[in-house]
Amino acid sequence: MKEVEEGRQTTLEAGQAFAKIASSAQQVAEQIQEVSAATEEMSASSEQVTASIMEISHTARESADSTRKVAAATQEQLASMEQITTAVESLNDMARTLDEVVRKFRL
């Protein structure tokens, strides 16, 4: 009878051990699901960050292109102003010469 009682006790302890193992396995499965959900969220966030970076990069390229266009237009305006300055100086020289010629006739 003692052997039967020991067998029963061993079986009972084995059952309890298996129950603990099953509980631990369930906890591990739940933790795996939580990690999986967190990984999916991180992946989605990563995709959003990548999209934002791409948009910023595109905007920066457009801004650089616009800046180059403004710089080119400014250079053109500067060249035009230099031409106007040269023309004004030439007209001033002509006006002085004409003034000198007119003075000769007045004397």
Foldseek 3Di string as FASTA:
>chain_A
DVVVVVVVVVVVVVVVVVVVVVVVVVVVVVVVVVVVVVVVVVVVVVVVVVVVVVVVVVVVVVVVVVVVVVVVVVVVVVVVVVVVVVVVVVVVVVVVVVVVVVVVVVD
